[in-house]
Amino acid sequence: MSAYPFSPQPYAGYQPYFQNPFMQAQQPPAQPPAAQMTPPTIRAEIVQVENETAAAQYPVGAGASQMMIAKDDSAIYVKTASANGQTALDVYVKRPPAPPAPAFNPAEYLRKDEFDTRLAAFLAAQEHSKEATT
């Protein structure tokens, strides 16, 4: 019998709502953690293929990845097979770098006062052409 009359007793199917540090020795050992999945391995070689269809048909073992490049150097393909054999094909299209932005040239732009002057002249010319046609 326990020294404390209200301490939980290990009954069949009964789990106490708190852990008694003195009863830990009676508990069964914890189960080892489940085996973790290893990430897919990428082989060091790069295979050259004709197009995306050929890349999709290239055989890849379960749990592995294969990097492929198109013969015309237009795309890079990475085919990955999961542990259960399902495959996925990632396509990376190679594009030329974007052209640099043109340099700022202040001579191409109007200042606010110049804009207002030209706008007033344009509106006056439109009013004058309307009066001449009527």
N, C-alpha and C. Protein backbone atom coordinates (compact mmCIF):
# COMPACT_ATOMS: atom_id res chain seq x y z
N MET A 1 0.84 -1.17 0.00
CA MET A 1 0.00 0.00 0.00
C MET A 1 0.89 1.23 0.00
N SER A 2 0.40 2.26 -0.62
CA SER A 2 1.15 3.49 -0.78
C SER A 2 1.18 4.27 0.53
N ALA A 3 2.21 5.07 0.69
CA ALA A 3 2.33 5.89 1.88
C ALA A 3 1.29 7.01 1.89
N TYR A 4 0.81 7.40 0.69
CA TYR A 4 -0.19 8.44 0.59
C TYR A 4 -1.51 7.80 0.22
N PRO A 5 -2.56 8.01 0.99
CA PRO A 5 -3.82 7.31 0.72
C PRO A 5 -4.51 7.80 -0.57
N PHE A 6 -4.23 9.00 -1.05
CA PHE A 6 -4.92 9.52 -2.22
C PHE A 6 -4.07 9.49 -3.48
N SER A 7 -2.96 8.81 -3.45
CA SER A 7 -2.13 8.75 -4.66
C SER A 7 -2.77 7.78 -5.65
N PRO A 8 -2.68 8.04 -6.94
CA PRO A 8 -3.31 7.16 -7.93
C PRO A 8 -2.63 5.80 -7.97
N GLN A 9 -3.42 4.76 -8.05
CA GLN A 9 -2.91 3.40 -8.13
C GLN A 9 -2.96 2.94 -9.58
N PRO A 10 -2.00 2.16 -10.01
CA PRO A 10 -1.99 1.72 -11.41
C PRO A 10 -3.02 0.62 -11.67
N TYR A 11 -4.26 1.00 -11.99
CA TYR A 11 -5.30 0.04 -12.33
C TYR A 11 -5.23 -0.25 -13.83
N ALA A 12 -5.75 -1.39 -14.23
CA ALA A 12 -5.75 -1.76 -15.65
C ALA A 12 -6.64 -0.78 -16.42
N GLY A 13 -6.10 -0.21 -17.47
CA GLY A 13 -6.86 0.73 -18.31
C GLY A 13 -6.97 2.12 -17.73
N TYR A 14 -6.37 2.39 -16.58
CA TYR A 14 -6.47 3.70 -15.95
C TYR A 14 -5.14 4.42 -16.10
N GLN A 15 -5.17 5.60 -16.62
CA GLN A 15 -3.96 6.42 -16.75
C GLN A 15 -4.17 7.66 -15.89
N PRO A 16 -3.31 7.93 -14.92
CA PRO A 16 -3.50 9.12 -14.09
C PRO A 16 -3.37 10.40 -14.93
N TYR A 17 -4.05 11.45 -14.47
CA TYR A 17 -4.02 12.70 -15.22
C TYR A 17 -2.75 13.48 -15.00
N PHE A 18 -1.88 13.05 -14.14
CA PHE A 18 -0.59 13.70 -13.95
C PHE A 18 0.46 12.60 -13.80
N GLN A 19 1.69 12.96 -13.99
CA GLN A 19 2.77 11.99 -13.88
C GLN A 19 3.36 12.03 -12.47
N ASN A 20 3.29 10.93 -11.81
CA ASN A 20 3.88 10.82 -10.49
C ASN A 20 5.34 10.43 -10.67
N PRO A 21 6.28 11.24 -10.20
CA PRO A 21 7.69 10.92 -10.46
C PRO A 21 8.13 9.61 -9.82
N PHE A 22 7.44 9.14 -8.79
CA PHE A 22 7.85 7.89 -8.15
C PHE A 22 7.33 6.67 -8.91
N MET A 23 6.36 6.87 -9.79
CA MET A 23 5.80 5.74 -10.52
C MET A 23 6.45 5.58 -11.90
N GLN A 24 7.37 6.43 -12.29
CA GLN A 24 7.99 6.35 -13.60
C GLN A 24 8.74 5.05 -13.79
N ALA A 25 9.29 4.48 -12.73
CA ALA A 25 10.03 3.24 -12.86
C ALA A 25 9.09 2.10 -13.23
N GLN A 26 7.79 2.16 -12.92
CA GLN A 26 6.84 1.10 -13.22
C GLN A 26 6.30 1.19 -14.64
N GLN A 27 6.47 2.33 -15.32
CA GLN A 27 5.92 2.51 -16.66
C GLN A 27 6.78 1.75 -17.67
N PRO A 28 6.15 1.25 -18.75
CA PRO A 28 6.93 0.56 -19.78
C PRO A 28 7.83 1.57 -20.49
N PRO A 29 8.94 1.12 -21.06
CA PRO A 29 9.83 2.05 -21.75
C PRO A 29 9.14 2.67 -22.97
N ALA A 30 9.54 3.88 -23.28
CA ALA A 30 8.96 4.60 -24.41
C ALA A 30 9.37 3.93 -25.71
N GLN A 31 8.47 4.00 -26.69
CA GLN A 31 8.78 3.41 -27.99
C GLN A 31 9.76 4.32 -28.73
N PRO A 32 10.65 3.73 -29.53
CA PRO A 32 11.57 4.57 -30.30
C PRO A 32 10.79 5.38 -31.33
N PRO A 33 11.28 6.57 -31.70
CA PRO A 33 10.56 7.39 -32.67
C PRO A 33 10.50 6.68 -34.02
N ALA A 34 9.46 7.00 -34.77
CA ALA A 34 9.28 6.40 -36.09
C ALA A 34 10.43 6.80 -37.00
N ALA A 35 10.75 5.93 -37.93
CA ALA A 35 11.85 6.21 -38.86
C ALA A 35 11.49 7.41 -39.72
N GLN A 36 12.40 8.34 -39.81
CA GLN A 36 12.16 9.54 -40.61
C GLN A 36 12.51 9.26 -42.06
N MET A 37 11.74 9.88 -42.94
CA MET A 37 12.03 9.70 -44.37
C MET A 37 13.27 10.50 -44.74
N THR A 38 14.10 9.90 -45.52
CA THR A 38 15.30 10.60 -45.97
C THR A 38 14.94 11.42 -47.21
N PRO A 39 15.52 12.59 -47.37
CA PRO A 39 15.22 13.40 -48.54
C PRO A 39 15.75 12.71 -49.79
N PRO A 40 15.15 12.99 -50.95
CA PRO A 40 15.62 12.37 -52.18
C PRO A 40 17.06 12.78 -52.48
N THR A 41 17.79 11.87 -53.05
CA THR A 41 19.18 12.16 -53.40
C THR A 41 19.26 12.57 -54.85
N ILE A 42 20.09 13.54 -55.14
CA ILE A 42 20.30 13.99 -56.52
C ILE A 42 21.63 13.43 -56.98
N ARG A 43 21.58 12.71 -58.09
CA ARG A 43 22.82 12.18 -58.62
C ARG A 43 23.64 13.33 -59.17
N ALA A 44 24.93 13.17 -59.14
CA ALA A 44 25.83 14.27 -59.51
C ALA A 44 25.86 14.51 -61.02
N GLU A 45 25.41 13.57 -61.82
CA GLU A 45 25.48 13.76 -63.26
C GLU A 45 24.24 14.47 -63.78
N ILE A 46 24.42 15.21 -64.85
CA ILE A 46 23.32 15.91 -65.51
C ILE A 46 23.13 15.26 -66.86
N VAL A 47 21.92 14.85 -67.14
CA VAL A 47 21.61 14.14 -68.38
C VAL A 47 21.05 15.14 -69.38
N GLN A 48 21.45 14.97 -70.65
CA GLN A 48 20.97 15.84 -71.70
C GLN A 48 19.81 15.16 -72.41
N VAL A 49 18.66 15.83 -72.54
CA VAL A 49 17.47 15.27 -73.16
C VAL A 49 17.01 16.19 -74.30
N GLU A 50 16.13 15.64 -75.16
CA GLU A 50 15.64 16.41 -76.32
C GLU A 50 14.66 17.51 -75.91
N ASN A 51 13.66 17.14 -75.10
CA ASN A 51 12.59 18.10 -74.76
C ASN A 51 11.92 17.66 -73.46
N GLU A 52 10.82 18.33 -73.11
CA GLU A 52 10.13 18.05 -71.84
C GLU A 52 9.52 16.65 -71.83
N THR A 53 9.05 16.19 -72.98
CA THR A 53 8.49 14.84 -73.05
C THR A 53 9.54 13.79 -72.74
N ALA A 54 10.73 13.95 -73.31
CA ALA A 54 11.81 13.00 -73.04
C ALA A 54 12.22 13.06 -71.57
N ALA A 55 12.19 14.24 -70.98
CA ALA A 55 12.53 14.37 -69.57
C ALA A 55 11.50 13.67 -68.70
N ALA A 56 10.22 13.77 -69.06
CA ALA A 56 9.17 13.11 -68.30
C ALA A 56 9.27 11.60 -68.41
N GLN A 57 9.78 11.09 -69.52
CA GLN A 57 9.89 9.65 -69.72
C GLN A 57 11.18 9.07 -69.17
N TYR A 58 12.12 9.90 -68.76
CA TYR A 58 13.40 9.41 -68.26
C TYR A 58 13.17 8.63 -66.96
N PRO A 59 13.72 7.43 -66.83
CA PRO A 59 13.47 6.64 -65.62
C PRO A 59 14.26 7.16 -64.42
N VAL A 60 13.57 7.27 -63.30
CA VAL A 60 14.18 7.70 -62.04
C VAL A 60 13.74 6.72 -60.96
N GLY A 61 14.68 6.23 -60.18
CA GLY A 61 14.36 5.28 -59.11
C GLY A 61 13.59 5.93 -57.98
N ALA A 62 12.89 5.09 -57.21
CA ALA A 62 12.09 5.59 -56.08
C ALA A 62 13.00 6.25 -55.05
N GLY A 63 12.61 7.41 -54.59
CA GLY A 63 13.39 8.14 -53.59
C GLY A 63 14.60 8.85 -54.15
N ALA A 64 14.64 9.06 -55.46
CA ALA A 64 15.81 9.71 -56.08
C ALA A 64 15.34 10.87 -56.96
N SER A 65 16.29 11.71 -57.36
CA SER A 65 16.03 12.82 -58.27
C SER A 65 17.07 12.81 -59.37
N GLN A 66 16.71 13.35 -60.50
CA GLN A 66 17.63 13.43 -61.63
C GLN A 66 17.51 14.81 -62.26
N MET A 67 18.65 15.46 -62.49
CA MET A 67 18.66 16.75 -63.16
C MET A 67 18.96 16.54 -64.63
N MET A 68 18.19 17.20 -65.50
CA MET A 68 18.36 17.07 -66.95
C MET A 68 18.36 18.46 -67.56
N ILE A 69 19.01 18.57 -68.71
CA ILE A 69 19.07 19.84 -69.42
C ILE A 69 18.69 19.59 -70.87
N ALA A 70 17.95 20.51 -71.47
CA ALA A 70 17.54 20.37 -72.86
C ALA A 70 18.75 20.55 -73.77
N LYS A 71 18.74 19.83 -74.91
CA LYS A 71 19.88 19.91 -75.83
C LYS A 71 20.04 21.31 -76.41
N ASP A 72 18.92 22.02 -76.60
CA ASP A 72 19.02 23.38 -77.13
C ASP A 72 19.28 24.40 -76.03
N ASP A 73 19.52 23.93 -74.80
CA ASP A 73 19.89 24.77 -73.66
C ASP A 73 18.79 25.77 -73.31
N SER A 74 17.51 25.37 -73.54
CA SER A 74 16.40 26.29 -73.27
C SER A 74 15.76 26.06 -71.91
N ALA A 75 15.98 24.88 -71.31
CA ALA A 75 15.32 24.59 -70.04
C ALA A 75 16.13 23.58 -69.24
N ILE A 76 15.87 23.58 -67.93
CA ILE A 76 16.45 22.61 -67.01
C ILE A 76 15.29 21.87 -66.38
N TYR A 77 15.39 20.54 -66.33
CA TYR A 77 14.35 19.71 -65.76
C TYR A 77 14.90 18.98 -64.54
N VAL A 78 14.08 18.87 -63.49
CA VAL A 78 14.43 18.08 -62.32
C VAL A 78 13.28 17.12 -62.08
N LYS A 79 13.56 15.82 -62.28
CA LYS A 79 12.53 14.81 -62.06
C LYS A 79 12.81 14.14 -60.72
N THR A 80 11.80 14.10 -59.87
CA THR A 80 11.92 13.53 -58.54
C THR A 80 10.89 12.43 -58.38
N ALA A 81 11.32 11.29 -57.83
CA ALA A 81 10.41 10.19 -57.55
C ALA A 81 10.33 10.01 -56.04
N SER A 82 9.12 9.95 -55.51
CA SER A 82 8.95 9.77 -54.07
C SER A 82 9.20 8.30 -53.71
N ALA A 83 9.17 8.01 -52.44
CA ALA A 83 9.45 6.65 -51.98
C ALA A 83 8.41 5.65 -52.48
N ASN A 84 7.17 6.11 -52.73
CA ASN A 84 6.15 5.20 -53.23
C ASN A 84 6.10 5.17 -54.75
N GLY A 85 7.02 5.86 -55.43
CA GLY A 85 7.12 5.78 -56.89
C GLY A 85 6.44 6.89 -57.66
N GLN A 86 5.76 7.81 -57.02
CA GLN A 86 5.13 8.91 -57.74
C GLN A 86 6.20 9.89 -58.18
N THR A 87 6.09 10.35 -59.42
CA THR A 87 7.12 11.25 -59.97
C THR A 87 6.55 12.65 -60.14
N ALA A 88 7.46 13.61 -60.07
CA ALA A 88 7.13 15.02 -60.31
C ALA A 88 8.24 15.60 -61.17
N LEU A 89 7.86 16.40 -62.16
CA LEU A 89 8.84 17.02 -63.04
C LEU A 89 8.77 18.53 -62.87
N ASP A 90 9.86 19.13 -62.43
CA ASP A 90 9.95 20.59 -62.29
C ASP A 90 10.70 21.13 -63.50
N VAL A 91 10.11 22.14 -64.15
CA VAL A 91 10.70 22.72 -65.35
C VAL A 91 11.16 24.14 -65.04
N TYR A 92 12.41 24.42 -65.33
CA TYR A 92 12.98 25.76 -65.13
C TYR A 92 13.39 26.28 -66.51
N VAL A 93 12.64 27.24 -67.02
CA VAL A 93 12.91 27.79 -68.35
C VAL A 93 13.99 28.85 -68.21
N LYS A 94 14.99 28.74 -69.09
CA LYS A 94 16.09 29.71 -69.05
C LYS A 94 15.72 30.90 -69.94
N ARG A 95 15.79 32.08 -69.39
CA ARG A 95 15.48 33.30 -70.13
C ARG A 95 16.70 34.20 -70.14
N PRO A 96 16.82 35.00 -71.19
CA PRO A 96 17.94 35.95 -71.18
C PRO A 96 17.71 37.00 -70.10
N PRO A 97 18.76 37.58 -69.59
CA PRO A 97 18.58 38.62 -68.56
C PRO A 97 17.84 39.82 -69.13
N ALA A 98 17.08 40.46 -68.29
CA ALA A 98 16.32 41.64 -68.71
C ALA A 98 17.28 42.78 -69.08
N PRO A 99 16.92 43.56 -70.10
CA PRO A 99 17.79 44.68 -70.45
C PRO A 99 17.81 45.71 -69.33
N PRO A 100 18.91 46.40 -69.18
CA PRO A 100 18.97 47.41 -68.11
C PRO A 100 18.02 48.57 -68.41
N ALA A 101 17.53 49.17 -67.36
CA ALA A 101 16.63 50.31 -67.51
C ALA A 101 17.39 51.49 -68.13
N PRO A 102 16.73 52.24 -69.00
CA PRO A 102 17.42 53.37 -69.61
C PRO A 102 17.80 54.41 -68.55
N ALA A 103 18.88 55.10 -68.80
CA ALA A 103 19.35 56.12 -67.87
C ALA A 103 18.40 57.32 -67.89
N PHE A 104 18.26 57.97 -66.76
CA PHE A 104 17.39 59.14 -66.65
C PHE A 104 18.00 60.30 -67.43
N ASN A 105 17.19 60.87 -68.32
CA ASN A 105 17.63 62.02 -69.11
C ASN A 105 16.65 63.16 -68.84
N PRO A 106 17.05 64.16 -68.03
CA PRO A 106 16.10 65.23 -67.68
C PRO A 106 15.68 66.09 -68.88
N ALA A 107 16.43 66.04 -69.98
CA ALA A 107 16.06 66.85 -71.14
C ALA A 107 14.79 66.31 -71.81
N GLU A 108 14.43 65.07 -71.56
CA GLU A 108 13.25 64.48 -72.16
C GLU A 108 11.96 64.86 -71.42
N TYR A 109 12.06 65.48 -70.29
CA TYR A 109 10.89 65.77 -69.47
C TYR A 109 10.68 67.28 -69.35
N LEU A 110 9.42 67.67 -69.09
CA LEU A 110 9.08 69.09 -68.90
C LEU A 110 8.97 69.40 -67.41
N ARG A 111 9.33 70.63 -67.08
CA ARG A 111 9.07 71.09 -65.72
C ARG A 111 7.60 71.50 -65.65
N LYS A 112 7.10 71.63 -64.44
CA LYS A 112 5.68 71.94 -64.24
C LYS A 112 5.29 73.27 -64.88
N ASP A 113 6.12 74.27 -64.72
CA ASP A 113 5.76 75.58 -65.31
C ASP A 113 5.77 75.52 -66.83
N GLU A 114 6.71 74.75 -67.44
CA GLU A 114 6.72 74.60 -68.91
C GLU A 114 5.47 73.85 -69.37
N PHE A 115 5.08 72.83 -68.62
CA PHE A 115 3.88 72.05 -68.97
C PHE A 115 2.65 72.95 -68.94
N ASP A 116 2.51 73.74 -67.88
CA ASP A 116 1.35 74.62 -67.77
C ASP A 116 1.30 75.61 -68.93
N THR A 117 2.45 76.14 -69.32
CA THR A 117 2.50 77.10 -70.43
C THR A 117 2.07 76.43 -71.74
N ARG A 118 2.61 75.23 -72.02
CA ARG A 118 2.25 74.53 -73.26
C ARG A 118 0.78 74.10 -73.25
N LEU A 119 0.27 73.69 -72.08
CA LEU A 119 -1.13 73.29 -71.99
C LEU A 119 -2.03 74.49 -72.26
N ALA A 120 -1.72 75.65 -71.70
CA ALA A 120 -2.53 76.85 -71.92
C ALA A 120 -2.52 77.23 -73.40
N ALA A 121 -1.35 77.14 -74.06
CA ALA A 121 -1.25 77.47 -75.49
C ALA A 121 -2.07 76.47 -76.31
N PHE A 122 -2.02 75.18 -75.95
CA PHE A 122 -2.77 74.16 -76.69
C PHE A 122 -4.26 74.40 -76.55
N LEU A 123 -4.73 74.67 -75.32
CA LEU A 123 -6.16 74.90 -75.11
C LEU A 123 -6.63 76.16 -75.81
N ALA A 124 -5.78 77.20 -75.85
CA ALA A 124 -6.15 78.43 -76.56
C ALA A 124 -6.26 78.17 -78.05
N ALA A 125 -5.34 77.35 -78.60
CA ALA A 125 -5.39 77.02 -80.03
C ALA A 125 -6.65 76.21 -80.34
N GLN A 126 -7.07 75.34 -79.46
CA GLN A 126 -8.29 74.56 -79.68
C GLN A 126 -9.52 75.47 -79.65
N GLU A 127 -9.56 76.41 -78.71
CA GLU A 127 -10.68 77.35 -78.64
C GLU A 127 -10.74 78.21 -79.91
N HIS A 128 -9.57 78.61 -80.40
CA HIS A 128 -9.51 79.45 -81.61
C HIS A 128 -10.00 78.65 -82.83
N SER A 129 -9.64 77.35 -82.89
CA SER A 129 -10.08 76.54 -84.05
C SER A 129 -11.59 76.26 -83.97
N LYS A 130 -12.15 76.14 -82.78
CA LYS A 130 -13.59 75.95 -82.65
C LYS A 130 -14.35 77.19 -83.09
N GLU A 131 -13.84 78.38 -82.75
CA GLU A 131 -14.50 79.65 -83.14
C GLU A 131 -14.42 79.85 -84.62
N ALA A 132 -13.31 79.38 -85.25
CA ALA A 132 -13.17 79.57 -86.70
C ALA A 132 -14.10 78.65 -87.47
N THR A 133 -14.39 77.47 -86.96
CA THR A 133 -15.26 76.52 -87.68
C THR A 133 -16.74 76.84 -87.49
N THR A 134 -17.13 77.58 -86.47
CA THR A 134 -18.55 77.88 -86.26
C THR A 134 -18.96 79.19 -86.83
